[in-house]
Amino acid sequence: MKESQTNSEDAQPSVSGTDLHLELRGPGLRTGLSDALREAVRTGRLAPGIRLPASRSLAADLGISRNTVTDAYAELVAEGWLTARQGSGTRVAERTPLGRAAPAARPKAAAQRPLYRMRPGAPDLANFPRAKWLTAARRALTMAPNDALGYGDGLGREELRTVLADYLARARGVRTEPERIVVCAGFHHGLALMAQVLKERKVHAVTVEAYGLDLYRDLLSGAGLHTPAVPVDEHGARTGELTQHRESGAVLLTPAHQYPTGVALRPDRRVEAVEWARATGGLILEDDYDGEFRYDRQPVGALQGLDPDRVVYFGSVSKSLAPGVRLGWMVLPAELIAPVVAAKGYGDYMSSVLEQLTLAEFMASGAYDRHVRSMRLRYRRRRDELVAALARRAPRVRVAGIAAGLQAVVELPHGTERSVVQEAARHGLEVGGLAEFHHRPTVLDGEMPEQDALVVNFAAPSDSAWAGALDTLCRVMP
């Protein structure tokens, strides 16, 4: 039989195997195949260890005989380019590329990594509700109409926006309807969209709290917006001083639980913020990042409820479930819906439909409420254990802020913050110092004195690591 022909068995289409693009050149098919495979390995297009298609599959894909593929494989195995083992198939052999020295053994990075991570920002990822999420995903995918898998609506899936409107009204006191909710990939994505819209609306500055994440200040600055700071004290942002920021068209606040100082915005200051927005036509950007987690009382409702036309409300599942889910939402004044959707269309038009449908099912079934209640109890126990251990073993320090959220501020004696952070690192404990969250360039007169403190995440360590993390924290205290 000629090499260009195939028998009836080989001519059957292959429905299994790995796709492999090869261009056969040369005087014969076997030589052309051998040369193409050899070149693919030599250039690194076929990486060491990768499994090649079965001879039958590759023959069918290339329209040549199986014997041709078998012979080419055997030739390259003999030359050392490939390996063939029973039950493992044909694979690319491990080789050192020509002209390149074998990589040096990497130093053991594990010894350099912290044993315990207590930096703020992450929830307890080990207790993500995998089984219940999978159940919701299966049901959501089964029930999804075919058109749900298309490009969809820039607002986000209606199923999710509908259940979010109900949940936010019930749990956070947000006044909205599904048409005023825009689904995004989290707070960072939502704030980037708002920064673009504000810039288009000729806003020159967004006031921020004097303590906060530099990531978000940098995002606003990168969009061409100035970021003057309003002072923060034991009652939250001093919103009465917003009138001093004449160029600002918006203010970014964390009213339920100021990040990272851990205080709540006092009711009269909430009113002051809304009055400033009404008087100036400005906007309040409300980051409700962990509003569900209050332990000493019922969570305080969202500031948005005071004036839905002057507040942009941001929420997400980054703290309640996991940041990797990449889902958040914006509740918008009516006039901002179209500009935000337009801004969304320039970049990430739509979050994953399957994740949106899964979250909608997860919330509608009650699983989300049950998970939040369970984690609320868990985090409250962790915080109580932290406070008790520090009171017993480090009486010179004090846990400040309200009983809420995933992190606590541990106040230190004056002048000790940097040394404590460094000492913790030497013991394998990663924590954050309060100073790194301070917006120093625009501190205003009359702000409370800067406090030496740690910002300690009590939520993130796993159960197996918690005792060691807490013990190490207590041992490095002054």
Protein backbone atom coordinates (compact mmCIF):
# COMPACT_ATOMS: atom_id res chain seq x y z
CA MET A 1 0.00 0.00 0.00
CA LYS A 2 1.28 3.46 -0.84
CA GLU A 3 2.00 5.91 1.99
CA SER A 4 -0.54 8.43 0.67
CA GLN A 5 -3.34 5.91 1.02
CA THR A 6 -5.09 4.75 4.17
CA ASN A 7 -6.94 1.55 4.89
CA SER A 8 -10.62 1.61 5.77
CA GLU A 9 -9.92 1.47 9.52
CA ASP A 10 -7.44 4.37 9.40
CA ALA A 11 -9.82 6.47 7.33
CA GLN A 12 -12.40 6.64 10.12
CA PRO A 13 -12.52 10.11 11.75
CA SER A 14 -10.82 10.35 15.15
CA VAL A 15 -12.92 11.51 18.08
CA SER A 16 -10.20 11.33 20.73
CA GLY A 17 -6.65 12.54 21.23
CA THR A 18 -4.84 15.86 21.35
CA ASP A 19 -4.94 18.46 18.58
CA LEU A 20 -1.49 18.95 17.05
CA HIS A 21 -0.70 21.37 14.22
CA LEU A 22 2.05 20.09 11.92
CA GLU A 23 3.11 21.10 8.42
CA LEU A 24 4.65 18.16 6.53
CA ARG A 25 7.44 19.07 4.15
CA GLY A 26 10.07 16.99 2.33
CA PRO A 27 10.36 14.16 -0.19
CA GLY A 28 8.19 11.67 1.73
CA LEU A 29 5.42 11.67 4.28
CA ARG A 30 7.40 9.84 6.95
CA THR A 31 10.42 12.10 6.52
CA GLY A 32 8.19 15.17 6.50
CA LEU A 33 6.41 14.05 9.68
CA SER A 34 9.69 13.22 11.45
CA ASP A 35 11.19 16.57 10.50
CA ALA A 36 8.06 18.49 11.60
CA LEU A 37 7.96 16.73 14.98
CA ARG A 38 11.70 17.16 15.49
CA GLU A 39 11.46 20.88 14.75
CA ALA A 40 8.49 21.32 17.07
CA VAL A 41 10.45 19.73 19.93
CA ARG A 42 13.65 21.62 19.13
CA THR A 43 11.94 25.02 19.16
CA GLY A 44 9.99 24.27 22.33
CA ARG A 45 6.56 24.30 20.69
CA LEU A 46 6.19 20.78 22.05
CA ALA A 47 7.32 21.03 25.65
CA PRO A 48 9.10 18.23 27.54
CA GLY A 49 6.67 15.72 28.99
CA ILE A 50 3.75 16.62 26.75
CA ARG A 51 1.81 13.59 25.49
CA LEU A 52 1.51 13.27 21.73
CA PRO A 53 -1.66 12.08 19.99
CA ALA A 54 -2.13 8.36 19.55
CA SER A 55 -0.85 7.14 16.20
CA ARG A 56 -4.36 6.34 14.99
CA SER A 57 -5.64 9.83 15.92
CA LEU A 58 -2.72 11.69 14.35
CA ALA A 59 -2.94 9.58 11.18
CA ALA A 60 -6.62 10.38 10.82
CA ASP A 61 -6.01 14.10 11.48
CA LEU A 62 -3.20 14.30 8.87
CA GLY A 63 -4.85 11.99 6.32
CA ILE A 64 -1.92 9.57 6.21
CA SER A 65 -1.47 5.93 7.14
CA ARG A 66 -1.09 4.84 10.73
CA ASN A 67 2.11 2.98 9.80
CA THR A 68 3.67 6.27 8.71
CA VAL A 69 2.99 7.81 12.11
CA THR A 70 4.19 4.71 13.96
CA ASP A 71 7.45 4.67 12.00
CA ALA A 72 8.06 8.38 12.58
CA TYR A 73 7.43 8.00 16.32
CA ALA A 74 9.80 5.02 16.47
CA GLU A 75 12.54 6.96 14.65
CA LEU A 76 12.31 9.90 17.08
CA VAL A 77 12.23 7.58 20.09
CA ALA A 78 15.45 5.97 18.85
CA GLU A 79 17.03 9.42 18.45
CA GLY A 80 15.99 10.47 21.97
CA TRP A 81 13.50 13.14 20.97
CA LEU A 82 10.52 11.12 22.26
CA THR A 83 9.87 8.44 24.86
CA ALA A 84 7.35 5.60 24.63
CA ARG A 85 6.18 3.59 27.62
CA GLN A 86 3.41 1.08 27.99
CA GLY A 87 0.35 2.78 29.43
CA SER A 88 1.89 6.25 29.22
CA GLY A 89 1.80 6.76 25.46
CA THR A 90 4.36 8.70 23.45
CA ARG A 91 5.75 11.80 25.09
CA VAL A 92 8.34 14.48 24.40
CA ALA A 93 11.58 13.51 26.14
CA GLU A 94 13.16 15.69 28.80
CA ARG A 95 16.02 17.55 27.12
CA THR A 96 18.33 20.48 27.78
CA PRO A 97 17.90 22.96 24.87
CA LEU A 98 20.98 23.36 22.71
CA GLY A 99 23.23 26.19 23.82
CA ARG A 100 21.49 26.58 27.16
CA ALA A 101 22.86 25.30 30.43
CA ALA A 102 20.71 23.15 32.63
CA PRO A 103 18.86 25.37 35.11
CA ALA A 104 20.47 25.64 38.50
CA ALA A 105 18.63 24.11 41.39
CA ARG A 106 16.25 26.65 42.87
CA PRO A 107 16.80 27.68 46.44
CA LYS A 108 14.19 26.46 48.84
CA ALA A 109 11.62 29.25 48.66
CA ALA A 110 9.45 27.66 51.34
CA ALA A 111 11.87 28.78 54.05
CA GLN A 112 11.49 32.38 52.87
CA ARG A 113 7.72 32.37 52.78
CA PRO A 114 5.80 33.35 55.88
CA LEU A 115 4.47 30.49 57.93
CA TYR A 116 1.39 32.51 58.85
CA ARG A 117 -0.38 35.15 56.80
CA MET A 118 -2.36 37.70 58.76
CA ARG A 119 -2.26 40.64 56.35
CA PRO A 120 -5.71 42.17 55.80
CA GLY A 121 -7.75 41.56 52.68
CA ALA A 122 -8.52 37.85 52.41
CA PRO A 123 -11.42 35.87 53.89
CA ASP A 124 -11.23 32.26 55.08
CA LEU A 125 -10.73 30.58 51.70
CA ALA A 126 -10.54 27.09 53.21
CA ASN A 127 -14.23 27.29 54.09
CA PHE A 128 -15.49 28.29 50.68
CA PRO A 129 -18.76 26.29 50.28
CA ARG A 130 -17.48 24.12 47.42
CA ALA A 131 -20.17 21.45 47.50
CA LYS A 132 -23.08 23.89 47.72
CA TRP A 133 -21.53 26.12 45.05
CA LEU A 134 -21.18 23.11 42.76
CA THR A 135 -24.81 22.19 43.38
CA ALA A 136 -25.87 25.73 42.49
CA ALA A 137 -23.68 25.69 39.38
CA ARG A 138 -25.18 22.42 38.14
CA ARG A 139 -28.72 23.62 38.70
CA ALA A 140 -28.02 27.03 37.15
CA LEU A 141 -26.44 25.51 34.05
CA THR A 142 -29.25 22.97 33.68
CA MET A 143 -31.94 25.64 33.92
CA ALA A 144 -30.18 28.30 31.84
CA PRO A 145 -31.83 29.15 28.52
CA ASN A 146 -29.66 28.84 25.44
CA ASP A 147 -29.52 32.60 24.91
CA ALA A 148 -27.95 33.02 28.36
CA LEU A 149 -24.68 31.83 26.82
CA GLY A 150 -24.60 34.71 24.35
CA TYR A 151 -23.02 38.14 24.77
CA GLY A 152 -25.84 39.25 27.02
CA ASP A 153 -26.70 42.55 28.64
CA GLY A 154 -24.06 45.01 29.84
CA LEU A 155 -26.03 45.38 33.06
CA GLY A 156 -25.45 41.71 33.86
CA ARG A 157 -27.81 38.74 33.94
CA GLU A 158 -31.32 39.68 35.01
CA GLU A 159 -31.53 36.61 37.26
CA LEU A 160 -28.64 37.86 39.36
CA ARG A 161 -29.74 41.50 39.40
CA THR A 162 -33.23 40.47 40.54
CA VAL A 163 -32.02 38.36 43.45
CA LEU A 164 -29.45 41.03 44.36
CA ALA A 165 -32.13 43.72 44.56
CA ASP A 166 -34.10 41.58 47.01
CA TYR A 167 -31.05 40.63 49.08
CA LEU A 168 -29.61 44.14 49.31
CA ALA A 169 -32.94 45.60 50.37
CA ARG A 170 -33.42 42.93 53.02
CA ALA A 171 -29.89 42.60 54.39
CA ARG A 172 -28.28 46.00 53.77
CA GLY A 173 -31.18 48.48 53.55
CA VAL A 174 -30.34 49.40 49.95
CA ARG A 175 -33.14 51.04 47.94
CA THR A 176 -33.01 49.80 44.37
CA GLU A 177 -34.55 47.75 41.61
CA PRO A 178 -32.82 45.33 39.18
CA GLU A 179 -32.59 47.96 36.45
CA ARG A 180 -30.28 50.11 38.60
CA ILE A 181 -27.77 47.34 39.30
CA VAL A 182 -24.71 46.78 37.12
CA VAL A 183 -22.77 43.56 37.63
CA CYS A 184 -18.97 43.91 37.56
CA ALA A 185 -15.91 41.87 38.46
CA GLY A 186 -15.50 43.30 41.95
CA PHE A 187 -14.91 46.65 43.65
CA HIS A 188 -11.67 47.38 41.78
CA HIS A 189 -13.43 46.93 38.44
CA GLY A 190 -16.43 48.98 39.54
CA LEU A 191 -14.27 51.83 40.83
CA ALA A 192 -12.31 51.86 37.57
CA LEU A 193 -15.56 52.24 35.65
CA MET A 194 -16.70 55.06 37.92
CA ALA A 195 -13.35 56.83 37.58
CA GLN A 196 -13.77 56.80 33.81
CA VAL A 197 -17.32 58.12 34.05
CA LEU A 198 -16.34 60.85 36.53
CA LYS A 199 -13.52 61.99 34.28
CA GLU A 200 -15.92 62.18 31.34
CA ARG A 201 -18.25 64.28 33.53
CA LYS A 202 -15.41 66.82 34.07
CA VAL A 203 -14.84 65.85 37.70
CA HIS A 204 -11.32 66.84 38.74
CA ALA A 205 -10.97 65.19 42.14
CA VAL A 206 -12.35 62.42 44.35
CA THR A 207 -11.89 62.89 48.09
CA VAL A 208 -10.70 59.76 49.88
CA GLU A 209 -10.40 58.82 53.54
CA ALA A 210 -7.00 59.58 55.06
CA TYR A 211 -6.62 55.87 55.81
CA GLY A 212 -7.27 53.39 53.03
CA LEU A 213 -5.74 51.19 50.35
CA ASP A 214 -3.21 52.97 48.16
CA LEU A 215 -4.33 50.62 45.38
CA TYR A 216 -7.58 52.54 45.04
CA ARG A 217 -5.97 55.96 45.41
CA ASP A 218 -3.56 54.98 42.64
CA LEU A 219 -6.45 53.80 40.48
CA LEU A 220 -8.15 57.19 40.79
CA SER A 221 -4.91 59.07 40.25
CA GLY A 222 -4.16 56.94 37.20
CA ALA A 223 -7.49 58.05 35.74
CA GLY A 224 -6.37 61.67 36.06
CA LEU A 225 -8.28 62.47 39.27
CA HIS A 226 -6.78 64.22 42.29
CA THR A 227 -7.27 62.47 45.65
CA PRO A 228 -7.37 64.93 48.56
CA ALA A 229 -7.95 63.23 51.91
CA VAL A 230 -10.51 63.83 54.62
CA PRO A 231 -9.29 63.05 58.17
CA VAL A 232 -10.41 59.92 60.02
CA ASP A 233 -10.88 59.71 63.79
CA GLU A 234 -12.62 57.36 66.22
CA HIS A 235 -16.00 58.25 64.66
CA GLY A 236 -14.99 57.65 61.06
CA ALA A 237 -14.30 60.12 58.26
CA ARG A 238 -14.80 63.75 59.27
CA THR A 239 -17.36 64.41 56.58
CA GLY A 240 -18.08 67.93 57.85
CA GLU A 241 -14.75 68.92 56.28
CA LEU A 242 -15.84 67.92 52.77
CA THR A 243 -16.83 71.53 52.18
CA GLN A 244 -13.12 72.39 52.15
CA HIS A 245 -12.61 70.24 49.04
CA ARG A 246 -14.15 72.55 46.47
CA GLU A 247 -12.71 70.74 43.45
CA SER A 248 -14.03 67.31 44.48
CA GLY A 249 -17.04 65.92 42.67
CA ALA A 250 -17.18 62.71 44.70
CA VAL A 251 -16.01 61.16 47.96
CA LEU A 252 -15.03 57.52 48.51
CA LEU A 253 -16.18 56.21 51.91
CA THR A 254 -16.26 52.94 53.87
CA PRO A 255 -19.05 53.91 56.28
CA ALA A 256 -20.08 50.53 57.73
CA HIS A 257 -16.51 49.63 58.79
CA GLN A 258 -13.76 52.08 57.92
CA TYR A 259 -10.85 50.39 56.20
CA PRO A 260 -8.51 49.75 57.89
CA THR A 261 -9.06 51.61 61.21
CA GLY A 262 -12.17 49.54 61.97
CA VAL A 263 -14.51 52.32 63.09
CA ALA A 264 -18.07 52.98 61.89
CA LEU A 265 -19.18 56.31 60.45
CA ARG A 266 -21.26 58.08 63.09
CA PRO A 267 -24.90 58.77 62.09
CA ASP A 268 -24.55 62.56 62.08
CA ARG A 269 -21.54 62.28 59.79
CA ARG A 270 -23.54 60.10 57.40
CA VAL A 271 -26.08 62.90 57.23
CA GLU A 272 -23.30 65.47 56.67
CA ALA A 273 -22.00 63.46 53.72
CA VAL A 274 -25.43 63.28 52.10
CA GLU A 275 -26.05 66.98 52.68
CA TRP A 276 -22.69 67.79 51.04
CA ALA A 277 -23.62 65.66 48.01
CA ARG A 278 -27.03 67.31 47.66
CA ALA A 279 -25.64 70.83 48.03
CA THR A 280 -22.79 70.37 45.55
CA GLY A 281 -24.26 67.84 43.13
CA GLY A 282 -21.45 65.49 44.17
CA LEU A 283 -21.53 61.73 44.57
CA ILE A 284 -20.80 59.44 47.49
CA LEU A 285 -19.00 56.24 46.45
CA GLU A 286 -19.90 53.75 49.18
CA ASP A 287 -17.62 50.71 49.49
CA ASP A 288 -19.60 48.21 51.56
CA TYR A 289 -16.77 45.68 51.47
CA ASP A 290 -17.68 43.65 54.59
CA GLY A 291 -20.99 45.14 55.67
CA GLU A 292 -22.51 41.76 56.55
CA PHE A 293 -19.96 41.05 59.28
CA ARG A 294 -20.85 42.89 62.48
CA TYR A 295 -20.56 40.87 65.69
CA ASP A 296 -21.71 43.04 68.58
CA ARG A 297 -25.06 44.02 67.05
CA GLN A 298 -27.02 43.92 63.80
CA PRO A 299 -25.02 45.31 60.87
CA VAL A 300 -25.60 49.00 60.20
CA GLY A 301 -27.54 49.56 56.98
CA ALA A 302 -25.98 51.01 53.88
CA LEU A 303 -25.58 54.77 53.63
CA GLN A 304 -27.17 54.48 50.16
CA GLY A 305 -30.59 54.18 51.79
CA LEU A 306 -30.41 57.86 52.80
CA ASP A 307 -30.29 59.09 49.21
CA PRO A 308 -30.17 56.60 46.30
CA ASP A 309 -29.78 59.46 43.80
CA ARG A 310 -26.54 60.73 45.32
CA VAL A 311 -24.86 57.46 46.37
CA VAL A 312 -23.14 54.84 44.23
CA TYR A 313 -23.19 51.62 46.23
CA PHE A 314 -20.47 48.98 45.67
CA GLY A 315 -20.69 45.40 46.91
CA SER A 316 -19.07 42.08 46.07
CA VAL A 317 -18.56 38.51 47.25
CA SER A 318 -14.80 39.02 47.72
CA LYS A 319 -15.10 38.94 51.52
CA SER A 320 -18.30 36.93 51.95
CA LEU A 321 -17.25 34.10 49.57
CA ALA A 322 -13.89 34.56 47.84
CA PRO A 323 -12.19 37.18 45.65
CA GLY A 324 -11.54 34.52 43.02
CA VAL A 325 -15.25 34.37 42.17
CA ARG A 326 -14.72 37.81 40.58
CA LEU A 327 -18.25 39.10 41.00
CA GLY A 328 -19.43 42.42 42.36
CA TRP A 329 -22.14 44.97 41.72
CA MET A 330 -22.84 48.66 41.57
CA VAL A 331 -26.19 50.18 42.55
CA LEU A 332 -26.38 53.39 40.57
CA PRO A 333 -28.37 56.61 40.40
CA ALA A 334 -30.50 56.45 37.26
CA GLU A 335 -28.44 59.08 35.44
CA LEU A 336 -25.26 56.99 35.72
CA ILE A 337 -26.56 53.67 34.39
CA ALA A 338 -26.00 54.36 30.69
CA PRO A 339 -22.53 55.96 31.13
CA VAL A 340 -21.32 53.08 33.32
CA VAL A 341 -22.58 50.43 30.89
CA ALA A 342 -20.91 52.34 28.06
CA ALA A 343 -17.64 52.46 30.01
CA LYS A 344 -17.95 48.74 30.66
CA GLY A 345 -18.24 48.11 26.94
CA TYR A 346 -14.77 49.51 26.31
CA GLY A 347 -13.11 46.80 28.39
CA ASP A 348 -14.56 43.86 30.29
CA TYR A 349 -18.10 44.02 28.91
CA MET A 350 -19.55 41.24 30.99
CA SER A 351 -18.54 38.97 33.86
CA SER A 352 -18.86 35.23 33.26
CA VAL A 353 -22.50 34.34 32.65
CA LEU A 354 -22.08 30.94 34.30
CA GLU A 355 -20.71 32.52 37.49
CA GLN A 356 -23.53 35.07 37.50
CA LEU A 357 -26.17 32.37 37.11
CA THR A 358 -24.50 30.26 39.78
CA LEU A 359 -24.44 33.14 42.27
CA ALA A 360 -28.07 33.93 41.47
CA GLU A 361 -29.07 30.34 42.22
CA PHE A 362 -26.81 30.24 45.31
CA MET A 363 -28.50 33.34 46.72
CA ALA A 364 -32.04 32.43 45.69
CA SER A 365 -31.77 29.01 47.37
CA GLY A 366 -30.82 30.60 50.71
CA ALA A 367 -27.34 29.05 50.64
CA TYR A 368 -25.68 32.47 50.58
CA ASP A 369 -27.51 33.67 53.72
CA ARG A 370 -26.64 30.43 55.52
CA HIS A 371 -22.99 30.73 54.54
CA VAL A 372 -22.77 34.35 55.69
CA ARG A 373 -24.35 33.50 59.05
CA SER A 374 -21.98 30.57 59.49
CA MET A 375 -18.92 32.66 58.67
CA ARG A 376 -20.16 35.46 60.92
CA LEU A 377 -20.12 33.08 63.88
CA ARG A 378 -16.73 31.72 62.87
CA TYR A 379 -15.14 35.13 62.50
CA ARG A 380 -16.66 36.34 65.76
CA ARG A 381 -15.06 33.41 67.61
CA ARG A 382 -11.72 34.18 65.96
CA ARG A 383 -11.89 37.84 66.97
CA ASP A 384 -12.89 36.95 70.53
CA GLU A 385 -9.94 34.56 70.77
CA LEU A 386 -7.60 37.25 69.43
CA VAL A 387 -8.80 39.85 71.94
CA ALA A 388 -8.60 37.39 74.85
CA ALA A 389 -5.12 36.14 73.95
CA LEU A 390 -3.70 39.65 73.59
CA ALA A 391 -5.30 40.79 76.85
CA ARG A 392 -3.74 37.83 78.66
CA ARG A 393 -0.29 37.73 77.06
CA ALA A 394 0.30 41.30 75.79
CA PRO A 395 -1.43 43.70 78.18
CA ARG A 396 0.41 46.73 76.76
CA VAL A 397 -1.57 46.58 73.52
CA ARG A 398 -5.27 47.18 72.81
CA VAL A 399 -7.63 45.99 70.08
CA ALA A 400 -9.39 49.04 68.65
CA GLY A 401 -12.39 49.53 66.37
CA ILE A 402 -15.83 47.97 66.37
CA ALA A 403 -16.37 44.20 66.53
CA ALA A 404 -16.78 43.67 62.82
CA GLY A 405 -15.10 42.59 59.60
CA LEU A 406 -12.17 40.28 58.99
CA GLN A 407 -9.36 42.31 60.56
CA ALA A 408 -8.63 44.10 63.81
CA VAL A 409 -6.43 47.07 64.63
CA VAL A 410 -3.98 46.27 67.44
CA GLU A 411 -2.69 49.52 68.93
CA LEU A 412 0.99 49.49 69.94
CA PRO A 413 3.15 51.68 72.17
CA HIS A 414 4.42 54.78 70.36
CA GLY A 415 7.38 54.17 68.09
CA THR A 416 7.15 50.36 67.99
CA GLU A 417 5.14 49.62 64.84
CA ARG A 418 8.01 49.11 62.40
CA SER A 419 10.06 46.97 64.81
CA VAL A 420 7.06 44.76 65.61
CA VAL A 421 6.30 44.21 61.90
CA GLN A 422 9.96 43.27 61.32
CA GLU A 423 10.06 41.00 64.35
CA ALA A 424 6.90 39.27 63.20
CA ALA A 425 8.47 38.68 59.78
CA ARG A 426 11.52 37.10 61.42
CA HIS A 427 9.19 34.68 63.16
CA GLY A 428 7.38 33.81 59.92
CA LEU A 429 4.31 35.96 60.57
CA GLU A 430 3.10 38.39 57.89
CA VAL A 431 1.09 41.34 59.24
CA GLY A 432 0.48 44.89 58.07
CA GLY A 433 1.33 48.10 59.85
CA LEU A 434 -1.29 50.84 60.05
CA ALA A 435 1.18 53.40 58.70
CA GLU A 436 1.21 51.81 55.25
CA PHE A 437 -2.48 52.71 54.83
CA HIS A 438 -2.02 56.41 55.70
CA HIS A 439 -2.48 58.94 52.90
CA ARG A 440 0.27 61.25 54.16
CA PRO A 441 0.65 63.70 51.26
CA THR A 442 -2.71 65.33 51.92
CA VAL A 443 -3.18 65.07 55.67
CA LEU A 444 -5.17 68.04 56.93
CA ASP A 445 -4.64 70.08 60.07
CA GLY A 446 -6.40 68.82 63.15
CA GLU A 447 -6.27 65.12 62.29
CA MET A 448 -5.85 62.77 65.21
CA PRO A 449 -2.20 61.88 65.94
CA GLU A 450 -0.89 58.99 63.90
CA GLN A 451 -1.21 55.76 65.90
CA ASP A 452 1.32 52.93 65.89
CA ALA A 453 -0.69 49.78 65.23
CA LEU A 454 -0.94 46.51 63.38
CA VAL A 455 -3.79 45.61 61.05
CA VAL A 456 -4.30 41.91 61.78
CA ASN A 457 -6.39 39.56 59.65
CA PHE A 458 -7.93 37.03 62.00
CA ALA A 459 -10.09 35.42 59.30
CA ALA A 460 -7.56 34.10 56.79
CA PRO A 461 -5.44 31.53 58.71
CA SER A 462 -6.66 27.97 58.34
CA ASP A 463 -7.84 26.02 61.37
CA SER A 464 -4.54 24.14 61.48
CA ALA A 465 -2.53 27.39 61.36
CA TRP A 466 -4.67 29.54 63.66
CA ALA A 467 -3.16 28.48 66.99
CA GLY A 468 0.39 28.96 65.71
CA ALA A 469 -0.43 32.31 64.13
CA LEU A 470 -2.06 33.62 67.31
CA ASP A 471 0.80 32.38 69.49
CA THR A 472 3.39 34.01 67.22
CA LEU A 473 1.48 37.29 67.19
CA CYS A 474 1.39 37.37 70.98
CA ARG A 475 5.10 36.54 71.24
CA VAL A 476 6.21 39.46 69.06
CA MET A 477 4.14 42.04 70.92
CA PRO A 478 6.17 44.65 72.86
